[in-house]
C-alpha atoms as a PDB file:
ATOM      1  CA  MET A   1      -5.380  -2.690   1.257  1.00  0.00           C
ATOM      2  CA  SER A   2      -6.446   0.158  -1.170  1.00  0.00           C
ATOM      3  CA  VAL A   3      -7.208  -0.264  -4.946  1.00  0.00           C
ATOM      4  CA  PHE A   4      -6.728   2.756  -7.167  1.00  0.00           C
ATOM      5  CA  GLU A   5      -7.834   2.795 -10.779  1.00  0.00           C
ATOM      6  CA  SER A   6      -5.177   2.630 -13.562  1.00  0.00           C
ATOM      7  CA  SER A   7      -5.265   4.344 -17.062  1.00  0.00           C
ATOM      8  CA  VAL A   8      -6.706   0.795 -18.276  1.00  0.00           C
ATOM      9  CA  ASP A   9     -10.268   1.707 -16.251  1.00  0.00           C
ATOM     10  CA  LYS A  10     -11.518   4.456 -14.425  1.00  0.00           C
ATOM     11  CA  SER A  11     -14.681   3.214 -13.181  1.00  0.00           C
ATOM     12  CA  ALA A  12     -15.211   2.829  -9.614  1.00  0.00           C
ATOM     13  CA  VAL A  13     -12.844   0.708  -7.766  1.00  0.00           C
ATOM     14  CA  ASN A  14     -13.347  -1.910  -5.043  1.00  0.00           C
ATOM     15  CA  ASP A  15     -10.614  -2.182  -2.463  1.00  0.00           C
ATOM     16  CA  ARG A  16      -9.438  -5.143  -0.812  1.00  0.00           C
ATOM     17  CA  SER A  17      -9.794  -3.381   2.644  1.00  0.00           C
ATOM     18  CA  VAL A  18     -11.837  -1.107   4.533  1.00  0.00           C
ATOM     19  CA  VAL A  19     -11.196   2.195   5.925  1.00  0.00           C
ATOM     20  CA  GLY A  20     -13.756   4.121   7.974  1.00  0.00           C
ATOM     21  CA  SER A  21     -13.886   7.352   9.890  1.00  0.00           C
ATOM     22  CA  GLY A  22     -11.874   7.113  13.133  1.00  0.00           C
ATOM     23  CA  ASN A  23     -13.101   9.597  15.696  1.00  0.00           C
ATOM     24  CA  SER A  24     -10.103   9.697  17.844  1.00  0.00           C
ATOM     25  CA  PRO A  25      -7.228  12.255  17.319  1.00  0.00           C
ATOM     26  CA  ALA A  26      -3.902  10.900  15.984  1.00  0.00           C
ATOM     27  CA  SER A  27      -0.942  10.033  18.207  1.00  0.00           C
ATOM     28  CA  GLU A  28       2.350   9.400  18.190  1.00  0.00           C
ATOM     29  CA  GLN A  29       2.268   5.638  17.995  1.00  0.00           C
ATOM     30  CA  PRO A  30       3.001   4.005  14.649  1.00  0.00           C
ATOM     31  CA  ARG A  31       0.123   1.827  14.763  1.00  0.00           C
ATOM     32  CA  PRO A  32      -2.745   0.775  17.478  1.00  0.00           C
ATOM     33  CA  PRO A  33      -2.417  -2.443  19.555  1.00  0.00           C
ATOM     34  CA  ARG A  34      -2.844  -5.751  17.456  1.00  0.00           C
ATOM     35  CA  ARG A  35      -6.144  -7.175  18.753  1.00  0.00           C
ATOM     36  CA  GLU A  36      -7.527 -10.614  18.044  1.00  0.00           C
ATOM     37  CA  PHE A  37      -8.644 -11.073  14.392  1.00  0.00           C
ATOM     38  CA  LYS A  38     -12.421 -12.276  14.296  1.00  0.00           C
ATOM     39  CA  ALA A  39     -13.181 -12.920  10.426  1.00  0.00           C
ATOM     40  CA  ARG A  40     -13.374 -15.959   8.463  1.00  0.00           C
ATOM     41  CA  GLY A  41      -9.864 -17.917   9.461  1.00  0.00           C
ATOM     42  CA  SER A  42      -9.748 -16.298  12.901  1.00  0.00           C
ATOM     43  CA  PHE A  43      -9.037 -19.941  14.258  1.00  0.00           C
ATOM     44  CA  VAL A  44      -6.283 -20.728  12.254  1.00  0.00           C
ATOM     45  CA  THR A  45      -2.878 -20.664  13.690  1.00  0.00           C
ATOM     46  CA  ARG A  46      -0.963 -17.625  12.668  1.00  0.00           C
ATOM     47  CA  CYS A  47       2.807 -16.338  12.417  1.00  0.00           C
ATOM     48  CA  ASP A  48       3.163 -13.651  15.160  1.00  0.00           C
ATOM     49  CA  ASN A  49       5.010 -11.769  12.782  1.00  0.00           C
ATOM     50  CA  CYS A  50       3.656 -11.976   9.189  1.00  0.00           C
ATOM     51  CA  GLN A  51       0.083 -12.960  10.383  1.00  0.00           C
ATOM     52  CA  LEU A  52       0.098 -15.716   7.734  1.00  0.00           C
ATOM     53  CA  PRO A  53      -0.939 -19.159   8.469  1.00  0.00           C
ATOM     54  CA  VAL A  54       2.391 -21.096   9.926  1.00  0.00           C
ATOM     55  CA  LEU A  55       1.685 -23.490   7.252  1.00  0.00           C
ATOM     56  CA  ASN A  56       3.110 -21.195   4.852  1.00  0.00           C
ATOM     57  CA  CYS A  57       4.902 -18.083   6.621  1.00  0.00           C
ATOM     58  CA  LEU A  58       6.200 -15.436   5.121  1.00  0.00           C
ATOM     59  CA  CYS A  59       9.222 -14.531   7.139  1.00  0.00           C
ATOM     60  CA  PRO A  60      11.797 -16.704   5.335  1.00  0.00           C
ATOM     61  CA  TYR A  61      11.143 -14.553   2.480  1.00  0.00           C
ATOM     62  CA  GLN A  62      11.208 -11.076   3.869  1.00  0.00           C
ATOM     63  CA  VAL A  63      14.200  -9.536   2.080  1.00  0.00           C
ATOM     64  CA  LYS A  64      14.777  -5.727   2.498  1.00  0.00           C
ATOM     65  CA  ALA A  65      15.165  -3.237  -0.182  1.00  0.00           C
ATOM     66  CA  GLU A  66      16.391   0.561  -0.389  1.00  0.00           C
ATOM     67  CA  SER A  67      14.527   3.267  -2.585  1.00  0.00           C
ATOM     68  CA  HIS A  68      15.052   6.883  -3.448  1.00  0.00           C
ATOM     69  CA  ALA A  69      11.460   7.428  -3.381  1.00  0.00           C
ATOM     70  CA  GLN A  70       8.901   6.616  -0.045  1.00  0.00           C
ATOM     71  CA  VAL A  71       5.844   5.306   0.396  1.00  0.00           C
ATOM     72  CA  TRP A  72       3.528   6.980   3.199  1.00  0.00           C
ATOM     73  CA  LEU A  73       0.641   5.076   3.665  1.00  0.00           C
ATOM     74  CA  ILE A  74      -2.575   6.465   5.211  1.00  0.00           C
ATOM     75  CA  THR A  75      -4.352   3.600   6.900  1.00  0.00           C
ATOM     76  CA  HIS A  76      -7.486   3.251   8.822  1.00  0.00           C
ATOM     77  CA  PRO A  77      -6.937   1.596  12.403  1.00  0.00           C
ATOM     78  CA  ILE A  78      -9.262  -1.645  11.338  1.00  0.00           C
ATOM     79  CA  GLU A  79      -6.682  -2.332   8.094  1.00  0.00           C
ATOM     80  CA  HIS A  80      -4.160  -3.164  10.936  1.00  0.00           C
ATOM     81  CA  PHE A  81      -5.465  -6.043  11.873  1.00  0.00           C
ATOM     82  CA  LYS A  82      -6.268  -7.307   8.336  1.00  0.00           C
ATOM     83  CA  PRO A  83      -4.201 -10.383   7.461  1.00  0.00           C
ATOM     84  CA  THR A  84      -5.145  -9.778   3.913  1.00  0.00           C
ATOM     85  CA  ASN A  85      -4.091  -6.390   4.043  1.00  0.00           C
ATOM     86  CA  THR A  86      -0.615  -5.919   1.465  1.00  0.00           C
ATOM     87  CA  GLY A  87       0.193  -2.389   2.657  1.00  0.00           C
ATOM     88  CA  ARG A  88       2.348  -4.089   5.793  1.00  0.00           C
ATOM     89  CA  LEU A  89       4.162  -5.775   2.802  1.00  0.00           C
ATOM     90  CA  ILE A  90       5.848  -2.660   1.584  1.00  0.00           C
ATOM     91  CA  ARG A  91       6.538  -1.693   5.072  1.00  0.00           C
ATOM     92  CA  ASP A  92       8.501  -5.103   5.217  1.00  0.00           C
ATOM     93  CA  VAL A  93      10.356  -4.587   2.235  1.00  0.00           C
ATOM     94  CA  ILE A  94      11.029  -0.763   1.582  1.00  0.00           C
ATOM     95  CA  THR A  95      12.609   0.331   5.000  1.00  0.00           C
ATOM     96  CA  SER A  96      11.571   3.792   4.593  1.00  0.00           C
ATOM     97  CA  THR A  97       8.183   3.273   4.605  1.00  0.00           C
ATOM     98  CA  GLN A  98       5.906   5.147   6.993  1.00  0.00           C
ATOM     99  CA  VAL A  99       2.328   3.900   7.850  1.00  0.00           C
ATOM    100  CA  PHE A 100      -0.176   6.608   9.611  1.00  0.00           C
ATOM    101  CA  THR A 101      -3.746   5.674  11.107  1.00  0.00           C
ATOM    102  CA  TRP A 102      -6.386   8.037   9.343  1.00  0.00           C
ATOM    103  CA  TYR A 103      -8.605   9.606  11.698  1.00  0.00           C
ATOM    104  CA  ARG A 104     -11.674  11.808  10.832  1.00  0.00           C
ATOM    105  CA  THR A 105     -11.046  14.786  13.096  1.00  0.00           C
ATOM    106  CA  ALA A 106      -7.310  14.884  13.029  1.00  0.00           C
ATOM    107  CA  PRO A 107      -4.250  14.103  11.186  1.00  0.00           C
ATOM    108  CA  ASP A 108      -1.299  12.092  12.114  1.00  0.00           C
ATOM    109  CA  ALA A 109       1.052  14.415  14.291  1.00  0.00           C
ATOM    110  CA  ARG A 110       4.514  12.562  12.614  1.00  0.00           C
ATOM    111  CA  LEU A 111       2.445  12.822   9.048  1.00  0.00           C
ATOM    112  CA  ALA A 112       1.768  16.553   9.876  1.00  0.00           C
ATOM    113  CA  ALA A 113       5.183  17.464  10.854  1.00  0.00           C
ATOM    114  CA  LEU A 114       7.035  15.279   7.640  1.00  0.00           C
ATOM    115  CA  LEU A 115       4.459  17.053   5.273  1.00  0.00           C
ATOM    116  CA  LYS A 116       6.299  20.656   6.410  1.00  0.00           C
ATOM    117  CA  ASP A 117       9.561  19.038   6.152  1.00  0.00           C
ATOM    118  CA  PRO A 118      11.433  20.652   2.544  1.00  0.00           C
ATOM    119  CA  ARG A 119      13.287  17.661   1.977  1.00  0.00           C
ATOM    120  CA  TYR A 120      10.111  15.790   0.885  1.00  0.00           C
ATOM    121  CA  ALA A 121       8.058  15.966  -2.174  1.00  0.00           C
ATOM    122  CA  PRO A 122       4.802  14.202  -1.572  1.00  0.00           C
ATOM    123  CA  PHE A 123       2.323  13.371  -3.967  1.00  0.00           C
ATOM    124  CA  VAL A 124      -1.199  11.837  -3.217  1.00  0.00           C
ATOM    125  CA  ILE A 125      -1.863   8.628  -5.247  1.00  0.00           C
ATOM    126  CA  PHE A 126      -5.417   9.475  -6.640  1.00  0.00           C
ATOM    127  CA  PRO A 127      -7.338   9.273  -9.877  1.00  0.00           C
ATOM    128  CA  ASP A 128      -7.737  12.462 -11.981  1.00  0.00           C
ATOM    129  CA  ASP A 129     -11.607  11.832 -12.666  1.00  0.00           C
ATOM    130  CA  GLN A 130     -13.068  14.800 -10.918  1.00  0.00           C
ATOM    131  CA  PRO A 131     -12.769  18.581 -12.070  1.00  0.00           C
ATOM    132  CA  ASP A 132     -12.467  20.540  -9.095  1.00  0.00           C
ATOM    133  CA  TYR A 133      -8.674  19.515  -8.530  1.00  0.00           C
ATOM    134  CA  VAL A 134      -7.439  19.073 -12.114  1.00  0.00           C
ATOM    135  CA  ASP A 135      -4.721  21.929 -11.454  1.00  0.00           C
ATOM    136  CA  ARG A 136      -3.368  19.639  -8.852  1.00  0.00           C
ATOM    137  CA  VAL A 137      -2.703  16.839 -11.332  1.00  0.00           C
ATOM    138  CA  VAL A 138       0.927  16.067 -12.318  1.00  0.00           C
ATOM    139  CA  GLY A 139       2.373  13.104 -14.289  1.00  0.00           C
ATOM    140  CA  ILE A 140       5.303  10.804 -13.268  1.00  0.00           C
ATOM    141  CA  ASP A 141       7.906  13.519 -14.699  1.00  0.00           C
ATOM    142  CA  ALA A 142       7.113  15.317 -11.855  1.00  0.00           C
ATOM    143  CA  VAL A 143       8.761  12.360  -9.588  1.00  0.00           C
ATOM    144  CA  HIS A 144      11.934  12.715 -11.925  1.00  0.00           C
ATOM    145  CA  ALA A 145      12.009  16.488 -11.729  1.00  0.00           C
ATOM    146  CA  ALA A 146      11.695  16.410  -7.524  1.00  0.00           C
ATOM    147  CA  LYS A 147      14.662  13.697  -7.534  1.00  0.00           C
ATOM    148  CA  ALA A 148      16.670  16.417  -9.528  1.00  0.00           C
ATOM    149  CA  GLN A 149      16.147  18.885  -7.324  1.00  0.00           C
ATOM    150  CA  ALA A 150      17.745  16.633  -4.590  1.00  0.00           C
ATOM    151  CA  ARG A 151      14.272  16.010  -2.824  1.00  0.00           C
ATOM    152  CA  ILE A 152      12.774  12.754  -1.675  1.00  0.00           C
ATOM    153  CA  PRO A 153       9.571  11.942  -3.738  1.00  0.00           C
ATOM    154  CA  VAL A 154       6.926  10.211  -1.561  1.00  0.00           C
ATOM    155  CA  PHE A 155       3.852   8.564  -2.544  1.00  0.00           C
ATOM    156  CA  ILE A 156       1.054   8.900  -0.455  1.00  0.00           C
ATOM    157  CA  ILE A 157      -1.302   5.971  -0.742  1.00  0.00           C
ATOM    158  CA  LEU A 158      -4.695   6.125   0.904  1.00  0.00           C
ATOM    159  CA  ASP A 159      -5.113   2.599   2.186  1.00  0.00           C
ATOM    160  CA  GLY A 160      -9.087   1.519   2.211  1.00  0.00           C
ATOM    161  CA  THR A 161     -11.656   0.497  -0.264  1.00  0.00           C
ATOM    162  CA  TRP A 162     -12.231   2.804  -3.166  1.00  0.00           C
ATOM    163  CA  ARG A 163     -15.741   4.383  -1.234  1.00  0.00           C
ATOM    164  CA  GLN A 164     -13.616   5.164   1.696  1.00  0.00           C
ATOM    165  CA  ALA A 165     -10.548   6.196  -0.031  1.00  0.00           C
ATOM    166  CA  ARG A 166     -12.219   9.013  -2.000  1.00  0.00           C
ATOM    167  CA  ARG A 167     -13.615  10.222   1.473  1.00  0.00           C
ATOM    168  CA  MET A 168     -10.318  10.245   3.244  1.00  0.00           C
ATOM    169  CA  PHE A 169      -9.401  12.506  -0.015  1.00  0.00           C
ATOM    170  CA  ARG A 170     -12.046  14.880   0.162  1.00  0.00           C
ATOM    171  CA  LYS A 171     -12.162  14.908   4.383  1.00  0.00           C
ATOM    172  CA  SER A 172      -8.234  15.368   4.989  1.00  0.00           C
ATOM    173  CA  ALA A 173      -7.362  19.000   4.852  1.00  0.00           C
ATOM    174  CA  TYR A 174      -3.958  18.761   5.337  1.00  0.00           C
ATOM    175  CA  LEU A 175      -3.739  16.706   1.571  1.00  0.00           C
ATOM    176  CA  ASP A 176      -5.404  19.562   0.174  1.00  0.00           C
ATOM    177  CA  GLY A 177      -2.324  21.538  -1.145  1.00  0.00           C
ATOM    178  CA  LEU A 178      -0.571  18.411  -2.129  1.00  0.00           C
ATOM    179  CA  PRO A 179      -0.196  17.405  -6.080  1.00  0.00           C
ATOM    180  CA  VAL A 180      -2.379  14.540  -7.182  1.00  0.00           C
ATOM    181  CA  LEU A 181      -0.329  11.691  -9.175  1.00  0.00           C
ATOM    182  CA  PRO A 182      -2.667   9.255 -10.928  1.00  0.00           C
ATOM    183  CA  LEU A 183      -1.595   5.880 -11.479  1.00  0.00           C
ATOM    184  CA  ARG A 184      -1.193   5.025 -15.002  1.00  0.00           C
ATOM    185  CA  THR A 185      -0.300   1.637 -15.914  1.00  0.00           C
ATOM    186  CA  GLU A 186      -1.068  -1.349 -18.344  1.00  0.00           C
ATOM    187  CA  ARG A 187      -0.517  -4.210 -15.261  1.00  0.00           C
ATOM    188  CA  GLU A 188      -3.580  -6.221 -14.594  1.00  0.00           C
ATOM    189  CA  THR A 189      -3.801  -7.464 -11.047  1.00  0.00           C
ATOM    190  CA  ARG A 190      -2.577 -10.418  -9.593  1.00  0.00           C
ATOM    191  CA  TYR A 191      -3.940 -10.598  -6.212  1.00  0.00           C
ATOM    192  CA  ARG A 192      -5.982 -13.570  -5.451  1.00  0.00           C
ATOM    193  CA  LEU A 193      -7.772 -13.135  -2.073  1.00  0.00           C
ATOM    194  CA  ARG A 194     -10.394 -11.402  -2.869  1.00  0.00           C
ATOM    195  CA  LYS A 195     -12.165 -10.856  -6.683  1.00  0.00           C
ATOM    196  CA  PRO A 196     -11.834  -7.395  -7.970  1.00  0.00           C
ATOM    197  CA  ALA A 197     -14.144  -5.760  -9.968  1.00  0.00           C
ATOM    198  CA  SER A 198     -11.797  -5.337 -12.723  1.00  0.00           C
ATOM    199  CA  LYS A 199      -8.244  -6.457 -13.689  1.00  0.00           C
ATOM    200  CA  ALA A 200      -7.236  -2.875 -13.574  1.00  0.00           C
ATOM    201  CA  HIS A 201      -8.195  -2.765 -10.185  1.00  0.00           C
ATOM    202  CA  LEU A 202      -4.538  -2.848  -8.351  1.00  0.00           C
ATOM    203  CA  CYS A 203      -3.936  -3.532  -4.410  1.00  0.00           C
ATOM    204  CA  THR A 204      -1.816  -1.538  -2.250  1.00  0.00           C
ATOM    205  CA  ALA A 205       1.165  -3.480  -2.886  1.00  0.00           C
ATOM    206  CA  GLU A 206       0.789  -3.446  -6.781  1.00  0.00           C
ATOM    207  CA  VAL A 207       0.260   0.196  -6.811  1.00  0.00           C
ATOM    208  CA  ALA A 208       3.609   0.651  -4.581  1.00  0.00           C
ATOM    209  CA  ILE A 209       5.332  -1.629  -7.179  1.00  0.00           C
ATOM    210  CA  GLU A 210       4.247   0.334 -10.067  1.00  0.00           C
ATOM    211  CA  LEU A 211       4.712   3.875  -8.894  1.00  0.00           C
ATOM    212  CA  LEU A 212       8.714   2.678  -7.559  1.00  0.00           C
ATOM    213  CA  ARG A 213       8.962   1.138 -10.902  1.00  0.00           C
ATOM    214  CA  GLN A 214       7.915   4.090 -12.827  1.00  0.00           C
ATOM    215  CA  GLY A 215       9.823   6.433 -10.395  1.00  0.00           C
ATOM    216  CA  GLY A 216      13.387   4.559 -11.316  1.00  0.00           C
ATOM    217  CA  ASP A 217      13.559   2.389  -7.853  1.00  0.00           C
ATOM    218  CA  THR A 218      13.410  -0.795 -10.051  1.00  0.00           C
ATOM    219  CA  VAL A 219      15.605  -3.373  -7.785  1.00  0.00           C
ATOM    220  CA  ALA A 220      13.191  -2.295  -4.982  1.00  0.00           C
ATOM    221  CA  ALA A 221      10.160  -2.723  -7.001  1.00  0.00           C
ATOM    222  CA  ASP A 222      11.286  -6.312  -8.384  1.00  0.00           C
ATOM    223  CA  VAL A 223      12.137  -7.472  -4.659  1.00  0.00           C
ATOM    224  CA  LEU A 224       8.388  -6.139  -3.503  1.00  0.00           C
ATOM    225  CA  ASP A 225       6.913  -7.725  -6.467  1.00  0.00           C
ATOM    226  CA  ASP A 226       8.403 -11.379  -5.653  1.00  0.00           C
ATOM    227  CA  TYR A 227       7.282 -10.715  -2.188  1.00  0.00           C
ATOM    228  CA  PHE A 228       3.688  -9.677  -2.867  1.00  0.00           C
ATOM    229  CA  ASP A 229       3.658 -12.997  -5.273  1.00  0.00           C
ATOM    230  CA  VAL A 230       4.997 -15.087  -2.407  1.00  0.00           C
ATOM    231  CA  PHE A 231       2.356 -13.871  -0.120  1.00  0.00           C
ATOM    232  CA  ASN A 232      -0.508 -14.330  -2.579  1.00  0.00           C
ATOM    233  CA  ASP A 233       0.408 -17.688  -3.252  1.00  0.00           C
ATOM    234  CA  SER A 234       1.178 -18.665   0.209  1.00  0.00           C
ATOM    235  CA  TYR A 235      -1.984 -17.222   1.871  1.00  0.00           C
ATOM    236  CA  ALA A 236      -4.407 -18.800  -1.106  1.00  0.00           C
ATOM    237  CA  ALA A 237      -2.499 -22.128  -0.587  1.00  0.00           C
ATOM    238  CA  SER A 238      -2.984 -21.954   3.104  1.00  0.00           C
ATOM    239  CA  ARG A 239      -6.845 -21.608   2.479  1.00  0.00           C
ATOM    240  CA  LEU A 240      -6.891 -24.811   1.040  1.00  0.00           C
ATOM    241  CA  HIS A 241      -4.650 -26.384   3.812  1.00  0.00           C
ATOM    242  CA  HIS A 242      -1.891 -26.836   1.423  1.00  0.00           C
ATOM    243  CA  LYS A 243       1.894 -26.267   1.972  1.00  0.00           C
ATOM    244  CA  ILE A 244       3.684 -25.012  -1.190  1.00  0.00           C
ATOM    245  CA  ASP A 245       6.477 -27.467  -1.874  1.00  0.00           C
ATOM    246  CA  PRO A 246       8.461 -26.974  -4.083  1.00  0.00           C
ATOM    247  CA  PRO A 247       9.015 -23.396  -3.512  1.00  0.00           C
ATOM    248  CA  THR A 248       7.837 -21.072  -6.457  1.00  0.00           C
ATOM    249  CA  ALA A 249      10.423 -19.274  -8.542  1.00  0.00           C
ATOM    250  CA  ALA A 250       9.774 -15.936  -6.344  1.00  0.00           C
ATOM    251  CA  MET A 251      10.438 -17.630  -3.304  1.00  0.00           C
ATOM    252  CA  ARG A 252      13.532 -18.847  -4.884  1.00  0.00           C
ATOM    253  CA  ARG A 253      14.791 -15.768  -5.972  1.00  0.00           C
ATOM    254  CA  LEU A 254      13.916 -13.972  -2.476  1.00  0.00           C
ATOM    255  CA  ALA A 255      15.521 -16.986  -0.919  1.00  0.00           C
ATOM    256  CA  ALA A 256      18.684 -16.267  -2.762  1.00  0.00           C
ATOM    257  CA  LYS A 257      19.310 -12.778  -1.926  1.00  0.00           C
END
């Protein structure tokens, strides 16, 4: 899961996921085959679908939502296998979400094709803290302008640690011509699975939630926000071998949809 700094704090960001430098060219596959997870918790019995411990399976609360804007994640291969990754929550909820694997030597072929499609107005979500791309920086008004022109706004989120996300930003030449949209929000992170360096450092799902909300997709943002809370609470409770009962408010809202 990636973390991007908001206007509250422009210090370096500690992300909750790892993005590295793959050396294989990207393929048409949406993601590599799943491999066995070997980190802490690898012996926990997990749901094959949501990857949470079966004690607090997330599947009953998966609710689909439509949004005018789209989210495209550029993700390191290792991230696909991390059960704590929140980028996958976006794809669970927002039906139009695209996930692309990042490689150092070549862009994903599907992504390269979509970037040339005039129907889309893509924005790279990244802080505006360096002078060499200041001419590319835009505000959220550019998203609304794209919608007014009957184009589909696309939020491109680099899914990795702050250090690796910056490297992805610098090493991906195919993103150089795209406008850069910094996330400006007063939101403080509610992600509980790893301790952030600052409450202003949001995880990937939270970044998407705020972008959708600011872009006018409030219903989709609210559904994703509830789903994120359920994931957050369920995973934290499972670490303590505790089943959530009775259901939380977010669980009840999703179950009622």
